[in-house]
Protein backbone atom coordinates (compact mmCIF):
# COMPACT_ATOMS: atom_id res chain seq x y z
CA MET A 1 168.60 179.25 -133.93
CA GLU A 2 171.59 181.23 -132.65
CA LYS A 3 173.62 178.03 -132.15
CA ASP A 4 172.94 176.93 -135.76
CA ALA A 5 174.15 180.28 -137.08
CA THR A 6 177.31 180.00 -134.99
CA LEU A 7 177.98 176.50 -136.36
CA ARG A 8 177.52 177.71 -139.93
CA ARG A 9 179.99 180.55 -139.38
CA GLY A 10 182.48 178.09 -137.86
CA HIS A 11 182.11 175.73 -140.81
CA ALA A 12 182.67 178.58 -143.25
CA ALA A 13 185.76 179.67 -141.32
CA LEU A 14 187.25 176.21 -141.81
CA ARG A 15 186.91 176.60 -145.58
CA ARG A 16 188.26 180.15 -145.73
CA GLY A 17 191.70 180.12 -147.28
CA ARG A 18 191.63 176.38 -147.97
CA VAL A 19 193.73 175.42 -150.95
CA SER A 20 193.62 171.98 -152.49
CA LEU A 21 196.84 171.23 -154.34
CA PRO A 22 197.64 168.01 -156.19
CA LYS A 23 200.49 166.07 -154.54
CA GLN A 24 200.30 168.27 -151.43
CA ILE A 25 200.60 166.49 -148.07
CA TYR A 26 197.95 167.35 -145.48
CA HIS A 27 197.28 166.62 -141.82
CA LEU A 28 193.50 166.36 -141.51
CA THR A 29 191.25 166.13 -138.47
CA THR A 30 187.52 165.54 -138.29
CA ARG A 31 185.20 164.98 -135.35
CA THR A 32 182.06 163.00 -134.71
CA VAL A 33 178.72 164.77 -134.33
CA ALA A 34 178.60 166.38 -130.87
CA ARG A 35 181.96 164.68 -130.18
CA ALA A 36 180.05 161.50 -129.36
CA PRO A 37 182.45 158.59 -128.63
CA VAL A 38 181.07 156.52 -131.52
CA PHE A 39 184.36 154.68 -132.00
CA ALA A 40 184.56 153.47 -128.42
CA ASN A 41 182.42 150.70 -129.89
CA PRO A 42 184.85 148.20 -131.48
CA ALA A 43 182.43 147.28 -134.29
CA ALA A 44 182.09 150.93 -135.28
CA ALA A 45 185.85 151.47 -135.07
CA ARG A 46 186.64 148.42 -137.21
CA ALA A 47 184.08 149.49 -139.82
CA ALA A 48 185.56 152.99 -140.08
CA CYS A 49 189.16 151.75 -140.20
CA ALA A 50 188.35 149.39 -143.07
CA CYS A 51 187.10 152.36 -145.08
CA PHE A 52 190.18 154.46 -144.34
CA VAL A 53 192.53 151.92 -145.93
CA ASN A 54 190.24 150.86 -148.80
CA PRO A 55 191.83 151.79 -152.16
CA ALA A 56 188.37 152.58 -153.55
CA THR A 57 187.87 155.16 -150.81
CA LEU A 58 191.32 156.71 -151.20
CA GLY A 59 191.26 156.97 -154.99
CA ASP A 60 194.67 158.19 -156.14
CA ALA A 61 195.55 159.72 -152.76
CA ALA A 62 198.26 158.16 -150.57
CA LEU A 63 197.54 157.61 -146.87
CA PHE A 64 200.75 157.73 -144.79
CA ALA A 65 199.42 157.60 -141.22
CA TRP A 66 196.10 157.71 -139.40
CA VAL A 67 194.52 157.21 -136.02
CA LEU A 68 190.89 156.77 -135.06
CA MET A 69 190.04 158.09 -131.62
CA PRO A 70 186.68 157.54 -129.86
CA ASP A 71 185.34 160.89 -131.13
CA HIS A 72 187.62 162.00 -133.97
CA ALA A 73 190.09 160.91 -136.64
CA HIS A 74 193.44 162.18 -137.93
CA TRP A 75 194.86 161.41 -141.35
CA LEU A 76 198.23 162.24 -142.90
CA LEU A 77 197.80 161.94 -146.62
CA GLN A 78 198.97 163.17 -149.97
CA LEU A 79 196.42 164.20 -152.55
CA GLY A 80 196.59 162.60 -155.94
CA GLU A 81 196.00 164.36 -159.23
CA ALA A 82 192.38 163.37 -159.81
CA GLU A 83 190.43 165.20 -157.11
CA GLY A 84 190.53 167.87 -154.47
CA LEU A 85 190.75 167.73 -150.71
CA GLU A 86 187.04 168.30 -150.05
CA THR A 87 186.05 165.46 -152.39
CA LEU A 88 188.47 163.02 -150.77
CA VAL A 89 187.46 163.90 -147.21
CA SER A 90 183.80 163.72 -148.16
CA ARG A 91 184.33 160.21 -149.51
CA LEU A 92 186.32 159.12 -146.41
CA LYS A 93 183.62 160.44 -144.10
CA GLY A 94 180.71 159.22 -146.22
CA ALA A 95 181.99 155.69 -146.77
CA SER A 96 182.94 155.27 -143.12
CA ALA A 97 179.59 156.68 -141.92
CA CYS A 98 177.68 154.19 -144.08
CA GLN A 99 179.71 151.28 -142.77
CA VAL A 100 179.56 152.46 -139.15
CA ASN A 101 175.80 152.89 -139.32
CA ALA A 102 175.44 149.42 -140.84
CA ALA A 103 177.65 147.92 -138.12
CA LEU A 104 175.62 149.63 -135.39
CA GLY A 105 172.21 149.10 -136.99
CA ARG A 106 171.44 152.80 -137.00
CA HIS A 107 170.98 155.77 -139.32
CA GLY A 108 172.12 159.36 -139.25
CA ALA A 109 175.22 161.50 -139.32
CA VAL A 110 178.42 160.17 -137.80
CA TRP A 111 180.83 163.02 -138.59
CA GLN A 112 180.48 166.76 -138.02
CA ARG A 113 180.34 168.96 -141.08
CA GLY A 114 183.71 170.27 -142.12
CA PHE A 115 187.22 169.29 -141.14
CA TYR A 116 190.49 170.88 -140.13
CA ASP A 117 193.38 170.74 -142.56
CA ARG A 118 196.99 171.80 -142.43
CA ALA A 119 199.24 171.57 -145.46
CA LEU A 120 202.74 170.46 -144.55
CA ARG A 121 205.54 172.75 -145.58
CA SER A 122 208.17 171.27 -147.85
CA ASP A 123 210.76 171.36 -145.05
CA GLU A 124 208.56 169.55 -142.51
CA ASP A 125 209.36 165.96 -141.62
CA MET A 126 206.34 163.77 -142.37
CA GLN A 127 207.46 161.20 -139.82
CA VAL A 128 207.40 163.81 -137.04
CA VAL A 129 203.81 164.69 -137.94
CA ALA A 130 202.95 160.98 -138.18
CA ARG A 131 204.38 160.36 -134.70
CA TYR A 132 202.26 163.22 -133.36
CA ILE A 133 199.15 161.72 -134.97
CA ILE A 134 199.88 158.19 -133.77
CA ALA A 135 200.63 159.35 -130.21
CA ASN A 136 197.06 160.64 -129.73
CA PRO A 137 195.91 157.56 -127.77
CA LEU A 138 198.94 157.93 -125.46
CA ARG A 139 198.38 161.64 -124.84
CA SER A 140 194.69 161.09 -124.14
CA GLY A 141 195.42 158.28 -121.67
CA LEU A 142 193.65 155.53 -123.61
CA VAL A 143 196.74 153.30 -123.50
CA GLU A 144 200.22 153.28 -122.00
CA ARG A 145 201.86 151.83 -125.14
CA ILE A 146 200.81 152.64 -128.68
CA GLY A 147 201.05 148.95 -129.56
CA ASP A 148 198.09 148.38 -127.24
CA TYR A 149 195.83 150.66 -129.31
CA PRO A 150 194.31 148.88 -132.33
CA TYR A 151 193.00 151.75 -134.47
CA TRP A 152 195.99 153.33 -136.22
CA ASP A 153 198.55 152.66 -138.89
CA ALA A 154 201.57 154.24 -140.56
CA VAL A 155 203.47 153.30 -143.72
CA TRP A 156 206.80 153.40 -141.87
CA LEU A 157 206.13 150.19 -139.94
C-alpha cells in the first residue's frame, strides 16, 4: 500500500506546473511499466514505432525526432492547435500499447502512468536536443554507431 501511495505522489508531481501551449516544442520521455525491456523484442519495437509516425496518432502535432529504447521512449515534438499535451501523449502511448500487445499476443499496460516533459525555450536549438535524444542508444552502449540502431528518426535527415 505504501508503494502505491508513493507512485501516486510521484505521478502528481509530474503534472504539477505542467503547461500545455499550442505550437510549443517539448522534449517528452515515458517509460515502460517497471522499466521492463519490452522493446528489446523487435516485433514490439516495430509496432510502437509505426504508431509514433502515424499521422492519425499525431493529429496536428509535428514530430521532429524520436528514439525508442528497450524500456522507454523520447519524443521531440511541437503541439498543434487542436489538443493539449496530455491528450497527445495519451494517444501515443495508447495506440502503441494496443499494437505492441497485439504483436506480442498479450494484454495489459505497456507504459507507466505519466511522462516527463520539458518545454524548449525559444533560444534553444532543436537540433541539439534532437542529437541528445538520438544519441541515447550510443550512451547506453546498445550500438557503437547510431546508424546501427533501427528505432529512431529525425526530420533533419
